[in-house]
Amino acid sequence: MRQQRDKWVVRIDGIDTETGKSRPRQLGTYPSKRAATKAATEFAAQHETGGDRRTVGAVVTKWAASRLDVAANTREQYIWAAGHITAGIGAIRLDRLEREDVAQWLDGLAAAGVKSRRSIQIFRMVLCAALDEAVDMGDLTRSPAARVGMPRQVTKNDRVKEVDAWDERDLRKFLAVAKAHRWGAPLRLAAHRTRPRRCERRAAME
C-alpha cells in the first residue's frame, strides 16, 4: 500500500509471462488507508495458496517428487523433465499461465534442435499431468496445457564428430611407443584384432 496525495494505492507483485521478470500491477485506488487495507487483505485471502507453490515450476517440481507409485527410474525422469519445465516457464505464476505460454515454449524447444521429439513429449506429459492435478486440487479452473499439442516438426541438429578415428599411421606410432610397455604385446594383439583384414595382411607382410 502506498499513499498518493489524498488517495491510497494497492499494488500487487507479479511476473511478466513473456519475460519472466517482475511486473507489479495495481489492484486499485482507495479513498482511505482503511479501505486499502481491507482490499489488500481480501485479495491476499483469496490467493493464499502457499507462497511460491503458485508458480508453475514449484507445482511441477512438487508433482514429480511426489510420484512414489512409479519405478525409481521413471520418477527420476519426471524430476529431470520438471527441471527443464522450471527453466522454461517455471517463473510464471500458476494462475497466470496461458495456453500461448505453453505453446510458445514447446515450439521454441522444437525449433532449437537441442532436444529430441521424445524428450519434448516427456516435458509436455509431465506438465499436463501436474496441471491436471492442480485442477483436481482446486488451484486451477482449467489446464492451459490441455489443448496444446506437440509441435509438428522438431529440428534435429547433426551430431558433431568429437574425434577422428586413427588411421594406419597413427596406429603404427602408438604401437611403436607402447612396444616397450608391459602391456605392449596385448595392445598390439588387440589392435590387430580390431583392424580391417587388409591392414592385417599389410602388417604381416611388413
C-alpha atoms as a PDB file:
ATOM      1  CA  MET A   1       0.000   0.000   0.000  1.00  0.00           C
ATOM      2  CA  ARG A   2       1.183   3.483  -0.802  1.00  0.00           C
ATOM      3  CA  GLN A   3      -0.324   6.893  -0.246  1.00  0.00           C
ATOM      4  CA  GLN A   4      -0.549   9.214  -3.242  1.00  0.00           C
ATOM      5  CA  ARG A   5      -1.818  12.662  -2.315  1.00  0.00           C
ATOM      6  CA  ASP A   6      -5.239  12.103  -0.726  1.00  0.00           C
ATOM      7  CA  LYS A   7      -5.652   8.539  -2.055  1.00  0.00           C
ATOM      8  CA  TRP A   8      -4.250   5.113  -1.177  1.00  0.00           C
ATOM      9  CA  VAL A   9      -2.943   2.764  -3.876  1.00  0.00           C
ATOM     10  CA  VAL A  10      -2.593  -1.009  -3.565  1.00  0.00           C
ATOM     11  CA  ARG A  11      -0.118  -2.736  -5.886  1.00  0.00           C
ATOM     12  CA  ILE A  12       0.411  -6.480  -6.280  1.00  0.00           C
ATOM     13  CA  ASP A  13       3.742  -8.080  -7.117  1.00  0.00           C
ATOM     14  CA  GLY A  14       3.565 -10.085 -10.329  1.00  0.00           C
ATOM     15  CA  ILE A  15       5.593 -11.696 -13.117  1.00  0.00           C
ATOM     16  CA  ASP A  16       5.548 -10.892 -16.813  1.00  0.00           C
ATOM     17  CA  THR A  17       4.522 -14.152 -18.532  1.00  0.00           C
ATOM     18  CA  GLU A  18       6.617 -13.332 -21.608  1.00  0.00           C
ATOM     19  CA  THR A  19       9.890 -12.286 -19.986  1.00  0.00           C
ATOM     20  CA  GLY A  20       9.620 -13.900 -16.555  1.00  0.00           C
ATOM     21  CA  LYS A  21      10.626 -10.584 -14.979  1.00  0.00           C
ATOM     22  CA  SER A  22       8.900  -8.858 -12.096  1.00  0.00           C
ATOM     23  CA  ARG A  23       5.953  -6.680 -13.146  1.00  0.00           C
ATOM     24  CA  PRO A  24       3.698  -5.310 -10.391  1.00  0.00           C
ATOM     25  CA  ARG A  25       0.106  -4.437 -11.171  1.00  0.00           C
ATOM     26  CA  GLN A  26      -2.245  -2.032  -9.478  1.00  0.00           C
ATOM     27  CA  LEU A  27      -5.105  -3.582  -7.558  1.00  0.00           C
ATOM     28  CA  GLY A  28      -6.920  -0.277  -7.109  1.00  0.00           C
ATOM     29  CA  THR A  29      -7.085   3.235  -5.652  1.00  0.00           C
ATOM     30  CA  TYR A  30      -8.983   3.816  -2.413  1.00  0.00           C
ATOM     31  CA  PRO A  31     -10.148   6.910  -0.511  1.00  0.00           C
ATOM     32  CA  SER A  32      -8.671   5.830   2.839  1.00  0.00           C
ATOM     33  CA  LYS A  33      -5.971   3.628   4.334  1.00  0.00           C
ATOM     34  CA  ARG A  34      -8.668   1.532   5.973  1.00  0.00           C
ATOM     35  CA  ALA A  35     -10.328   0.814   2.642  1.00  0.00           C
ATOM     36  CA  ALA A  36      -6.979  -0.011   1.031  1.00  0.00           C
ATOM     37  CA  THR A  37      -6.082  -2.362   3.886  1.00  0.00           C
ATOM     38  CA  LYS A  38      -9.394  -4.158   3.558  1.00  0.00           C
ATOM     39  CA  ALA A  39      -8.942  -4.624  -0.197  1.00  0.00           C
ATOM     40  CA  ALA A  40      -5.388  -5.902   0.219  1.00  0.00           C
ATOM     41  CA  THR A  41      -6.453  -8.320   2.983  1.00  0.00           C
ATOM     42  CA  GLU A  42      -9.333  -9.709   0.913  1.00  0.00           C
ATOM     43  CA  PHE A  43      -7.075 -10.173  -2.100  1.00  0.00           C
ATOM     44  CA  ALA A  44      -4.450 -11.985  -0.017  1.00  0.00           C
ATOM     45  CA  ALA A  45      -7.108 -14.278   1.498  1.00  0.00           C
ATOM     46  CA  GLN A  46      -8.438 -15.212  -1.938  1.00  0.00           C
ATOM     47  CA  HIS A  47      -4.965 -16.034  -3.296  1.00  0.00           C
ATOM     48  CA  GLU A  48      -3.358 -17.619  -0.239  1.00  0.00           C
ATOM     49  CA  THR A  49      -2.086 -20.934  -1.606  1.00  0.00           C
ATOM     50  CA  GLY A  50       1.338 -21.314  -0.081  1.00  0.00           C
ATOM     51  CA  GLY A  51       3.739 -18.739  -1.490  1.00  0.00           C
ATOM     52  CA  ASP A  52       5.795 -19.919  -4.446  1.00  0.00           C
ATOM     53  CA  ARG A  53       3.678 -23.078  -4.679  1.00  0.00           C
ATOM     54  CA  ARG A  54       1.627 -20.961  -7.072  1.00  0.00           C
ATOM     55  CA  THR A  55       4.421 -20.830  -9.628  1.00  0.00           C
ATOM     56  CA  VAL A  56       4.442 -23.340 -12.464  1.00  0.00           C
ATOM     57  CA  GLY A  57       7.930 -24.517 -11.513  1.00  0.00           C
ATOM     58  CA  ALA A  58       7.016 -25.192  -7.880  1.00  0.00           C
ATOM     59  CA  VAL A  59       3.845 -27.070  -8.826  1.00  0.00           C
ATOM     60  CA  VAL A  60       5.591 -29.248 -11.406  1.00  0.00           C
ATOM     61  CA  THR A  61       8.545 -29.955  -9.109  1.00  0.00           C
ATOM     62  CA  LYS A  62       6.233 -30.977  -6.285  1.00  0.00           C
ATOM     63  CA  TRP A  63       4.222 -33.248  -8.597  1.00  0.00           C
ATOM     64  CA  ALA A  64       7.340 -35.012  -9.901  1.00  0.00           C
ATOM     65  CA  ALA A  65       8.816 -35.522  -6.427  1.00  0.00           C
ATOM     66  CA  SER A  66       5.553 -36.986  -5.126  1.00  0.00           C
ATOM     67  CA  ARG A  67       5.362 -39.753  -7.732  1.00  0.00           C
ATOM     68  CA  LEU A  68       6.191 -42.619  -5.387  1.00  0.00           C
ATOM     69  CA  ASP A  69       3.873 -45.034  -7.183  1.00  0.00           C
ATOM     70  CA  VAL A  70       6.237 -45.467 -10.145  1.00  0.00           C
ATOM     71  CA  ALA A  71       9.615 -47.088 -10.676  1.00  0.00           C
ATOM     72  CA  ALA A  72      12.665 -45.182  -9.449  1.00  0.00           C
ATOM     73  CA  ASN A  73      13.996 -44.512 -12.964  1.00  0.00           C
ATOM     74  CA  THR A  74      10.590 -43.240 -14.071  1.00  0.00           C
ATOM     75  CA  ARG A  75      10.439 -40.872 -11.106  1.00  0.00           C
ATOM     76  CA  GLU A  76      13.937 -39.615 -11.929  1.00  0.00           C
ATOM     77  CA  GLN A  77      12.778 -38.977 -15.482  1.00  0.00           C
ATOM     78  CA  TYR A  78       9.842 -36.937 -14.167  1.00  0.00           C
ATOM     79  CA  ILE A  79      12.170 -34.889 -11.943  1.00  0.00           C
ATOM     80  CA  TRP A  80      14.513 -34.358 -14.900  1.00  0.00           C
ATOM     81  CA  ALA A  81      11.607 -33.122 -17.008  1.00  0.00           C
ATOM     82  CA  ALA A  82      10.392 -30.871 -14.188  1.00  0.00           C
ATOM     83  CA  GLY A  83      13.790 -29.191 -14.156  1.00  0.00           C
ATOM     84  CA  HIS A  84      13.516 -28.311 -17.842  1.00  0.00           C
ATOM     85  CA  ILE A  85       9.944 -27.070 -17.402  1.00  0.00           C
ATOM     86  CA  THR A  86      11.062 -24.885 -14.500  1.00  0.00           C
ATOM     87  CA  ALA A  87      13.888 -23.433 -16.569  1.00  0.00           C
ATOM     88  CA  GLY A  88      11.475 -22.630 -19.399  1.00  0.00           C
ATOM     89  CA  ILE A  89       8.196 -21.399 -17.889  1.00  0.00           C
ATOM     90  CA  GLY A  90       8.676 -22.089 -14.190  1.00  0.00           C
ATOM     91  CA  ALA A  91       8.735 -18.420 -13.155  1.00  0.00           C
ATOM     92  CA  ILE A  92       5.190 -17.822 -14.381  1.00  0.00           C
ATOM     93  CA  ARG A  93       2.589 -17.726 -11.645  1.00  0.00           C
ATOM     94  CA  LEU A  94       0.229 -20.672 -11.882  1.00  0.00           C
ATOM     95  CA  ASP A  95      -2.941 -18.638 -12.166  1.00  0.00           C
ATOM     96  CA  ARG A  96      -1.393 -16.529 -14.943  1.00  0.00           C
ATOM     97  CA  LEU A  97      -0.195 -19.359 -17.137  1.00  0.00           C
ATOM     98  CA  GLU A  98      -1.848 -19.176 -20.558  1.00  0.00           C
ATOM     99  CA  ARG A  99      -2.168 -21.625 -23.403  1.00  0.00           C
ATOM    100  CA  GLU A 100       0.054 -19.384 -25.521  1.00  0.00           C
ATOM    101  CA  ASP A 101       2.839 -19.607 -22.922  1.00  0.00           C
ATOM    102  CA  VAL A 102       2.869 -23.397 -23.172  1.00  0.00           C
ATOM    103  CA  ALA A 103       2.638 -23.413 -26.978  1.00  0.00           C
ATOM    104  CA  GLN A 104       5.442 -20.885 -27.424  1.00  0.00           C
ATOM    105  CA  TRP A 105       7.689 -22.789 -25.023  1.00  0.00           C
ATOM    106  CA  LEU A 106       7.144 -26.118 -26.787  1.00  0.00           C
ATOM    107  CA  ASP A 107       7.621 -24.536 -30.211  1.00  0.00           C
ATOM    108  CA  GLY A 108      10.853 -22.960 -29.012  1.00  0.00           C
ATOM    109  CA  LEU A 109      12.172 -26.312 -27.851  1.00  0.00           C
ATOM    110  CA  ALA A 110      11.222 -27.908 -31.157  1.00  0.00           C
ATOM    111  CA  ALA A 111      12.962 -25.207 -33.191  1.00  0.00           C
ATOM    112  CA  ALA A 112      16.133 -25.110 -31.092  1.00  0.00           C
ATOM    113  CA  GLY A 113      17.271 -28.547 -32.249  1.00  0.00           C
ATOM    114  CA  VAL A 114      18.712 -29.410 -28.835  1.00  0.00           C
ATOM    115  CA  LYS A 115      16.072 -31.814 -27.503  1.00  0.00           C
ATOM    116  CA  SER A 116      14.634 -34.825 -29.300  1.00  0.00           C
ATOM    117  CA  ARG A 117      10.942 -35.303 -30.033  1.00  0.00           C
ATOM    118  CA  ARG A 118      10.786 -37.933 -27.289  1.00  0.00           C
ATOM    119  CA  SER A 119      12.241 -35.538 -24.700  1.00  0.00           C
ATOM    120  CA  ILE A 120       9.760 -32.824 -25.634  1.00  0.00           C
ATOM    121  CA  GLN A 121       6.925 -35.356 -25.385  1.00  0.00           C
ATOM    122  CA  ILE A 122       8.032 -36.199 -21.846  1.00  0.00           C
ATOM    123  CA  PHE A 123       8.203 -32.497 -20.895  1.00  0.00           C
ATOM    124  CA  ARG A 124       4.676 -31.974 -22.215  1.00  0.00           C
ATOM    125  CA  MET A 125       3.334 -35.078 -20.468  1.00  0.00           C
ATOM    126  CA  VAL A 126       4.762 -34.062 -17.088  1.00  0.00           C
ATOM    127  CA  LEU A 127       3.457 -30.503 -17.437  1.00  0.00           C
ATOM    128  CA  CYS A 128      -0.034 -31.718 -18.392  1.00  0.00           C
ATOM    129  CA  ALA A 129      -0.136 -34.193 -15.503  1.00  0.00           C
ATOM    130  CA  ALA A 130       0.978 -31.604 -12.953  1.00  0.00           C
ATOM    131  CA  LEU A 131      -1.556 -29.049 -14.186  1.00  0.00           C
ATOM    132  CA  ASP A 132      -4.339 -31.652 -14.216  1.00  0.00           C
ATOM    133  CA  GLU A 133      -3.582 -32.351 -10.567  1.00  0.00           C
ATOM    134  CA  ALA A 134      -3.688 -28.602  -9.865  1.00  0.00           C
ATOM    135  CA  VAL A 135      -7.181 -28.564 -11.382  1.00  0.00           C
ATOM    136  CA  ASP A 136      -8.228 -31.502  -9.197  1.00  0.00           C
ATOM    137  CA  MET A 137      -6.867 -29.686  -6.135  1.00  0.00           C
ATOM    138  CA  GLY A 138      -8.802 -26.544  -6.980  1.00  0.00           C
ATOM    139  CA  ASP A 139      -5.734 -24.411  -7.699  1.00  0.00           C
ATOM    140  CA  LEU A 140      -6.821 -24.006 -11.324  1.00  0.00           C
ATOM    141  CA  THR A 141     -10.207 -23.989 -13.001  1.00  0.00           C
ATOM    142  CA  ARG A 142      -8.743 -25.462 -16.202  1.00  0.00           C
ATOM    143  CA  SER A 143      -5.405 -26.658 -17.511  1.00  0.00           C
ATOM    144  CA  PRO A 144      -3.758 -24.266 -20.001  1.00  0.00           C
ATOM    145  CA  ALA A 145      -1.805 -27.199 -21.445  1.00  0.00           C
ATOM    146  CA  ALA A 146      -4.780 -29.489 -22.040  1.00  0.00           C
ATOM    147  CA  ARG A 147      -5.351 -28.441 -25.652  1.00  0.00           C
ATOM    148  CA  VAL A 148      -1.746 -27.716 -26.616  1.00  0.00           C
ATOM    149  CA  GLY A 149      -0.428 -30.471 -28.853  1.00  0.00           C
ATOM    150  CA  MET A 150       3.073 -31.470 -29.802  1.00  0.00           C
ATOM    151  CA  PRO A 151       4.868 -29.282 -32.372  1.00  0.00           C
ATOM    152  CA  ARG A 152       4.528 -30.745 -35.860  1.00  0.00           C
ATOM    153  CA  GLN A 153       8.235 -30.579 -36.607  1.00  0.00           C
ATOM    154  CA  VAL A 154      11.191 -30.979 -34.265  1.00  0.00           C
ATOM    155  CA  THR A 155      14.540 -29.773 -35.562  1.00  0.00           C
ATOM    156  CA  LYS A 156      17.324 -32.270 -35.090  1.00  0.00           C
ATOM    157  CA  ASN A 157      20.851 -30.925 -35.338  1.00  0.00           C
ATOM    158  CA  ASP A 158      23.561 -33.190 -36.687  1.00  0.00           C
ATOM    159  CA  ARG A 159      25.823 -34.567 -34.020  1.00  0.00           C
ATOM    160  CA  VAL A 160      29.266 -33.055 -34.017  1.00  0.00           C
ATOM    161  CA  LYS A 161      32.013 -35.596 -34.521  1.00  0.00           C
ATOM    162  CA  GLU A 162      34.209 -35.262 -31.460  1.00  0.00           C
ATOM    163  CA  VAL A 163      37.355 -37.003 -32.691  1.00  0.00           C
ATOM    164  CA  ASP A 164      38.611 -38.686 -35.847  1.00  0.00           C
ATOM    165  CA  ALA A 165      39.412 -42.363 -35.754  1.00  0.00           C
ATOM    166  CA  TRP A 166      43.073 -43.346 -36.030  1.00  0.00           C
ATOM    167  CA  ASP A 167      44.420 -44.157 -39.448  1.00  0.00           C
ATOM    168  CA  GLU A 168      47.147 -46.737 -40.157  1.00  0.00           C
ATOM    169  CA  ARG A 169      49.927 -44.231 -39.492  1.00  0.00           C
ATOM    170  CA  ASP A 170      48.516 -43.245 -36.102  1.00  0.00           C
ATOM    171  CA  LEU A 171      48.183 -46.875 -35.093  1.00  0.00           C
ATOM    172  CA  ARG A 172      51.788 -47.635 -36.030  1.00  0.00           C
ATOM    173  CA  LYS A 173      53.053 -44.708 -33.963  1.00  0.00           C
ATOM    174  CA  PHE A 174      51.026 -45.835 -30.980  1.00  0.00           C
ATOM    175  CA  LEU A 175      52.246 -49.429 -31.191  1.00  0.00           C
ATOM    176  CA  ALA A 176      55.857 -48.268 -31.553  1.00  0.00           C
ATOM    177  CA  VAL A 177      55.608 -46.240 -28.345  1.00  0.00           C
ATOM    178  CA  ALA A 178      53.707 -48.982 -26.489  1.00  0.00           C
ATOM    179  CA  LYS A 179      56.151 -51.691 -27.547  1.00  0.00           C
ATOM    180  CA  ALA A 180      58.392 -51.209 -24.502  1.00  0.00           C
ATOM    181  CA  HIS A 181      55.480 -51.164 -22.079  1.00  0.00           C
ATOM    182  CA  ARG A 182      54.498 -54.310 -20.204  1.00  0.00           C
ATOM    183  CA  TRP A 183      51.124 -54.113 -21.954  1.00  0.00           C
ATOM    184  CA  GLY A 184      52.749 -53.706 -25.341  1.00  0.00           C
ATOM    185  CA  ALA A 185      52.097 -57.254 -26.570  1.00  0.00           C
ATOM    186  CA  PRO A 186      48.403 -57.352 -25.508  1.00  0.00           C
ATOM    187  CA  LEU A 187      47.839 -53.918 -27.032  1.00  0.00           C
ATOM    188  CA  ARG A 188      49.402 -54.976 -30.309  1.00  0.00           C
ATOM    189  CA  LEU A 189      47.275 -58.120 -30.339  1.00  0.00           C
ATOM    190  CA  ALA A 190      44.096 -56.145 -29.629  1.00  0.00           C
ATOM    191  CA  ALA A 191      44.958 -53.614 -32.339  1.00  0.00           C
ATOM    192  CA  HIS A 192      45.441 -56.338 -34.941  1.00  0.00           C
ATOM    193  CA  ARG A 193      42.141 -57.964 -33.986  1.00  0.00           C
ATOM    194  CA  THR A 194      40.191 -54.741 -34.462  1.00  0.00           C
ATOM    195  CA  ARG A 195      41.863 -53.583 -37.697  1.00  0.00           C
ATOM    196  CA  PRO A 196      40.374 -54.412 -41.107  1.00  0.00           C
ATOM    197  CA  ARG A 197      41.697 -57.560 -42.766  1.00  0.00           C
ATOM    198  CA  ARG A 198      43.539 -55.523 -45.415  1.00  0.00           C
ATOM    199  CA  CYS A 199      45.526 -53.786 -42.695  1.00  0.00           C
ATOM    200  CA  GLU A 200      46.288 -57.116 -41.051  1.00  0.00           C
ATOM    201  CA  ARG A 201      47.687 -58.516 -44.296  1.00  0.00           C
ATOM    202  CA  ARG A 202      49.825 -55.402 -44.780  1.00  0.00           C
ATOM    203  CA  ALA A 203      51.184 -55.695 -41.248  1.00  0.00           C
ATOM    204  CA  ALA A 204      52.039 -59.360 -41.812  1.00  0.00           C
ATOM    205  CA  MET A 205      53.977 -58.507 -44.966  1.00  0.00           C
ATOM    206  CA  GLU A 206      55.989 -55.913 -43.059  1.00  0.00           C
END
